[in-house]
Amino acid sequence: MKKIYLAGDFGIWRKMTIETLKDGYEICNPLEASDYPLYYVRDNLKAVEQCDILFVFRPKKIIDCFEMGLWAGIAYRKSITIIFADETDFPDPSIFSIAKRTFTKLETAACYLRFWAEGGDEIKALHKAIEPEKQK
């Protein structure tokens, strides 16, 4: 089972994403990666480095995404797959440029990851995830 790290704000999206992905991935939630606030950054750097996939989510309300960029840069240097869902009107170019796949909606990205875990074929998972978007 692949290990996935959830990067983004500490909002309600995490609960939905964990529910969607829990059967296909070992999930690393940064809220649980460190037992002591003083070691949050150190512990989460280690957690990112040990993952197979970094899932970065930037909701509309988040303007600054420095921390997400930090995690993405580390993942990129370690050749970890980066999946980026950015719901803002101006996607972060630094993360956008290094992500394997980018999405404009959290739900589509989470479905893609779920289908990828279920079937193993990344391209089929992509088509399956974006199909409902085409029908709208």
C-alpha atoms as a PDB file:
ATOM      1  CA  MET A   1       0.000   0.000   0.000  1.00  0.00           C
ATOM      2  CA  LYS A   2       1.345   3.425  -0.961  1.00  0.00           C
ATOM      3  CA  LYS A   3       1.875   6.090   1.650  1.00  0.00           C
ATOM      4  CA  ILE A   4       0.325   9.514   0.996  1.00  0.00           C
ATOM      5  CA  TYR A   5       1.013  12.771   2.829  1.00  0.00           C
ATOM      6  CA  LEU A   6      -1.767  15.390   3.017  1.00  0.00           C
ATOM      7  CA  ALA A   7      -0.414  18.934   2.663  1.00  0.00           C
ATOM      8  CA  GLY A   8      -2.658  21.951   3.014  1.00  0.00           C
ATOM      9  CA  ASP A   9      -4.564  23.974   5.546  1.00  0.00           C
ATOM     10  CA  PHE A  10      -6.033  22.286   8.601  1.00  0.00           C
ATOM     11  CA  GLY A  11      -9.642  22.558   7.404  1.00  0.00           C
ATOM     12  CA  ILE A  12     -12.494  20.088   7.036  1.00  0.00           C
ATOM     13  CA  TRP A  13     -11.169  18.877   3.666  1.00  0.00           C
ATOM     14  CA  ARG A  14      -8.866  16.450   5.497  1.00  0.00           C
ATOM     15  CA  LYS A  15     -11.746  14.438   6.934  1.00  0.00           C
ATOM     16  CA  MET A  16     -13.375  14.018   3.505  1.00  0.00           C
ATOM     17  CA  THR A  17     -10.064  13.173   1.856  1.00  0.00           C
ATOM     18  CA  ILE A  18      -9.105  10.621   4.499  1.00  0.00           C
ATOM     19  CA  GLU A  19     -12.528   8.999   4.155  1.00  0.00           C
ATOM     20  CA  THR A  20     -12.127   8.821   0.363  1.00  0.00           C
ATOM     21  CA  LEU A  21      -8.582   7.449   0.403  1.00  0.00           C
ATOM     22  CA  LYS A  22      -8.379   5.334   3.574  1.00  0.00           C
ATOM     23  CA  ASP A  23      -8.894   1.979   1.831  1.00  0.00           C
ATOM     24  CA  GLY A  24      -6.250   2.558  -0.823  1.00  0.00           C
ATOM     25  CA  TYR A  25      -3.456   4.384   1.003  1.00  0.00           C
ATOM     26  CA  GLU A  26      -1.576   4.578   4.233  1.00  0.00           C
ATOM     27  CA  ILE A  27      -2.366   8.200   5.091  1.00  0.00           C
ATOM     28  CA  CYS A  28       0.058  10.552   6.768  1.00  0.00           C
ATOM     29  CA  ASN A  29      -1.878  13.440   8.239  1.00  0.00           C
ATOM     30  CA  PRO A  30       0.471  16.198   9.475  1.00  0.00           C
ATOM     31  CA  LEU A  31      -1.837  16.797  12.410  1.00  0.00           C
ATOM     32  CA  GLU A  32      -0.814  13.365  13.653  1.00  0.00           C
ATOM     33  CA  ALA A  33       2.801  13.207  12.430  1.00  0.00           C
ATOM     34  CA  SER A  34       4.245  15.011  15.431  1.00  0.00           C
ATOM     35  CA  ASP A  35       3.604  14.493  19.121  1.00  0.00           C
ATOM     36  CA  TYR A  36       5.157  17.770  20.185  1.00  0.00           C
ATOM     37  CA  PRO A  37       4.517  21.200  18.546  1.00  0.00           C
ATOM     38  CA  LEU A  38       8.163  22.212  18.826  1.00  0.00           C
ATOM     39  CA  TYR A  39       9.099  19.347  16.498  1.00  0.00           C
ATOM     40  CA  TYR A  40       6.265  19.831  14.015  1.00  0.00           C
ATOM     41  CA  VAL A  41       8.465  20.911  11.091  1.00  0.00           C
ATOM     42  CA  ARG A  42      11.183  18.334  11.721  1.00  0.00           C
ATOM     43  CA  ASP A  43       8.713  15.477  12.137  1.00  0.00           C
ATOM     44  CA  ASN A  44       6.717  16.485   9.071  1.00  0.00           C
ATOM     45  CA  LEU A  45       9.835  16.794   6.918  1.00  0.00           C
ATOM     46  CA  LYS A  46      10.611  13.191   7.812  1.00  0.00           C
ATOM     47  CA  ALA A  47       7.024  12.177   7.088  1.00  0.00           C
ATOM     48  CA  VAL A  48       7.102  13.814   3.634  1.00  0.00           C
ATOM     49  CA  GLU A  49      10.386  12.081   2.805  1.00  0.00           C
ATOM     50  CA  GLN A  50       8.887   8.687   3.688  1.00  0.00           C
ATOM     51  CA  CYS A  51       5.801   9.039   1.487  1.00  0.00           C
ATOM     52  CA  ASP A  52       5.219   7.810  -2.060  1.00  0.00           C
ATOM     53  CA  ILE A  53       2.755  10.593  -2.892  1.00  0.00           C
ATOM     54  CA  LEU A  54       2.396  14.174  -1.693  1.00  0.00           C
ATOM     55  CA  PHE A  55      -1.183  15.416  -2.067  1.00  0.00           C
ATOM     56  CA  VAL A  56      -1.259  19.215  -1.890  1.00  0.00           C
ATOM     57  CA  PHE A  57      -4.590  21.002  -1.531  1.00  0.00           C
ATOM     58  CA  ARG A  58      -5.000  24.771  -1.715  1.00  0.00           C
ATOM     59  CA  PRO A  59      -8.566  25.958  -1.111  1.00  0.00           C
ATOM     60  CA  LYS A  60      -9.910  29.236  -2.464  1.00  0.00           C
ATOM     61  CA  LYS A  61      -9.387  31.077   0.805  1.00  0.00           C
ATOM     62  CA  ILE A  62      -5.643  30.356   1.087  1.00  0.00           C
ATOM     63  CA  ILE A  63      -3.460  33.039  -0.471  1.00  0.00           C
ATOM     64  CA  ASP A  64      -0.055  32.197   0.943  1.00  0.00           C
ATOM     65  CA  CYS A  65       1.089  28.629   0.489  1.00  0.00           C
ATOM     66  CA  PHE A  66       4.714  28.793   1.643  1.00  0.00           C
ATOM     67  CA  GLU A  67       4.484  25.648   3.771  1.00  0.00           C
ATOM     68  CA  MET A  68       2.856  23.699   0.941  1.00  0.00           C
ATOM     69  CA  GLY A  69       5.638  24.883  -1.350  1.00  0.00           C
ATOM     70  CA  LEU A  70       8.240  23.712   1.143  1.00  0.00           C
ATOM     71  CA  TRP A  71       6.737  20.220   1.305  1.00  0.00           C
ATOM     72  CA  ALA A  72       6.399  20.118  -2.498  1.00  0.00           C
ATOM     73  CA  GLY A  73      10.021  21.174  -3.000  1.00  0.00           C
ATOM     74  CA  ILE A  74      11.251  18.442  -0.686  1.00  0.00           C
ATOM     75  CA  ALA A  75       9.024  15.859  -2.372  1.00  0.00           C
ATOM     76  CA  TYR A  76      10.263  16.930  -5.798  1.00  0.00           C
ATOM     77  CA  ARG A  77      13.936  16.592  -4.747  1.00  0.00           C
ATOM     78  CA  LYS A  78      13.174  13.093  -3.418  1.00  0.00           C
ATOM     79  CA  SER A  79      11.311  12.106  -6.642  1.00  0.00           C
ATOM     80  CA  ILE A  80       8.041  11.705  -4.737  1.00  0.00           C
ATOM     81  CA  THR A  81       4.901  11.985  -6.865  1.00  0.00           C
ATOM     82  CA  ILE A  82       3.110  15.305  -6.314  1.00  0.00           C
ATOM     83  CA  ILE A  83      -0.620  15.684  -6.903  1.00  0.00           C
ATOM     84  CA  PHE A  84      -1.853  19.277  -6.645  1.00  0.00           C
ATOM     85  CA  ALA A  85      -5.447  20.451  -6.246  1.00  0.00           C
ATOM     86  CA  ASP A  86      -5.685  24.247  -6.325  1.00  0.00           C
ATOM     87  CA  GLU A  87      -9.130  25.841  -6.137  1.00  0.00           C
ATOM     88  CA  THR A  88      -7.867  29.430  -6.257  1.00  0.00           C
ATOM     89  CA  ASP A  89      -8.114  31.657  -9.307  1.00  0.00           C
ATOM     90  CA  PHE A  90      -4.307  31.877  -9.450  1.00  0.00           C
ATOM     91  CA  PRO A  91      -2.635  28.460  -8.984  1.00  0.00           C
ATOM     92  CA  ASP A  92       0.748  28.548  -7.327  1.00  0.00           C
ATOM     93  CA  PRO A  93       3.220  28.310 -10.245  1.00  0.00           C
ATOM     94  CA  SER A  94       6.011  26.732  -8.214  1.00  0.00           C
ATOM     95  CA  ILE A  95       3.899  23.753  -7.160  1.00  0.00           C
ATOM     96  CA  PHE A  96       1.971  23.634 -10.438  1.00  0.00           C
ATOM     97  CA  SER A  97       5.216  23.274 -12.402  1.00  0.00           C
ATOM     98  CA  ILE A  98       6.494  20.246 -10.457  1.00  0.00           C
ATOM     99  CA  ALA A  99       3.247  18.330  -9.891  1.00  0.00           C
ATOM    100  CA  LYS A 100       2.579  15.115 -11.802  1.00  0.00           C
ATOM    101  CA  ARG A 101      -1.124  15.975 -11.988  1.00  0.00           C
ATOM    102  CA  THR A 102      -2.999  19.177 -11.217  1.00  0.00           C
ATOM    103  CA  PHE A 103      -6.700  19.637 -10.537  1.00  0.00           C
ATOM    104  CA  THR A 104      -8.999  22.596  -9.945  1.00  0.00           C
ATOM    105  CA  LYS A 105     -11.280  20.684  -7.567  1.00  0.00           C
ATOM    106  CA  LEU A 106     -10.470  18.711  -4.442  1.00  0.00           C
ATOM    107  CA  GLU A 107     -13.160  16.106  -5.136  1.00  0.00           C
ATOM    108  CA  THR A 108     -11.790  15.318  -8.606  1.00  0.00           C
ATOM    109  CA  ALA A 109      -8.238  14.941  -7.285  1.00  0.00           C
ATOM    110  CA  ALA A 110      -9.381  12.681  -4.433  1.00  0.00           C
ATOM    111  CA  CYS A 111     -11.402  10.518  -6.847  1.00  0.00           C
ATOM    112  CA  TYR A 112      -8.392  10.254  -9.149  1.00  0.00           C
ATOM    113  CA  LEU A 113      -6.213   9.071  -6.265  1.00  0.00           C
ATOM    114  CA  ARG A 114      -8.865   6.570  -5.144  1.00  0.00           C
ATOM    115  CA  PHE A 115      -9.302   5.145  -8.652  1.00  0.00           C
ATOM    116  CA  TRP A 116      -5.514   4.983  -9.080  1.00  0.00           C
ATOM    117  CA  ALA A 117      -5.184   2.948  -5.865  1.00  0.00           C
ATOM    118  CA  GLU A 118      -8.062   0.652  -6.853  1.00  0.00           C
ATOM    119  CA  GLY A 119      -6.958  -0.101 -10.396  1.00  0.00           C
ATOM    120  CA  GLY A 120      -3.255   0.613 -10.532  1.00  0.00           C
ATOM    121  CA  ASP A 121      -3.462   2.222 -13.990  1.00  0.00           C
ATOM    122  CA  GLU A 122      -2.809   5.936 -13.529  1.00  0.00           C
ATOM    123  CA  ILE A 123      -4.137   7.058 -16.946  1.00  0.00           C
ATOM    124  CA  LYS A 124      -7.397   5.105 -16.601  1.00  0.00           C
ATOM    125  CA  ALA A 125      -7.827   6.569 -13.133  1.00  0.00           C
ATOM    126  CA  LEU A 126      -7.390  10.061 -14.565  1.00  0.00           C
ATOM    127  CA  HIS A 127     -10.049   9.494 -17.230  1.00  0.00           C
ATOM    128  CA  LYS A 128     -12.430   7.944 -14.719  1.00  0.00           C
ATOM    129  CA  ALA A 129     -12.013  10.854 -12.284  1.00  0.00           C
ATOM    130  CA  ILE A 130     -12.565  13.610 -14.854  1.00  0.00           C
ATOM    131  CA  GLU A 131     -15.489  11.909 -16.623  1.00  0.00           C
ATOM    132  CA  PRO A 132     -18.131  13.378 -14.230  1.00  0.00           C
ATOM    133  CA  GLU A 133     -16.629  16.845 -14.868  1.00  0.00           C
ATOM    134  CA  LYS A 134     -17.204  16.444 -18.619  1.00  0.00           C
ATOM    135  CA  GLN A 135     -20.848  15.539 -18.117  1.00  0.00           C
ATOM    136  CA  LYS A 136     -21.678  18.773 -16.267  1.00  0.00           C
END
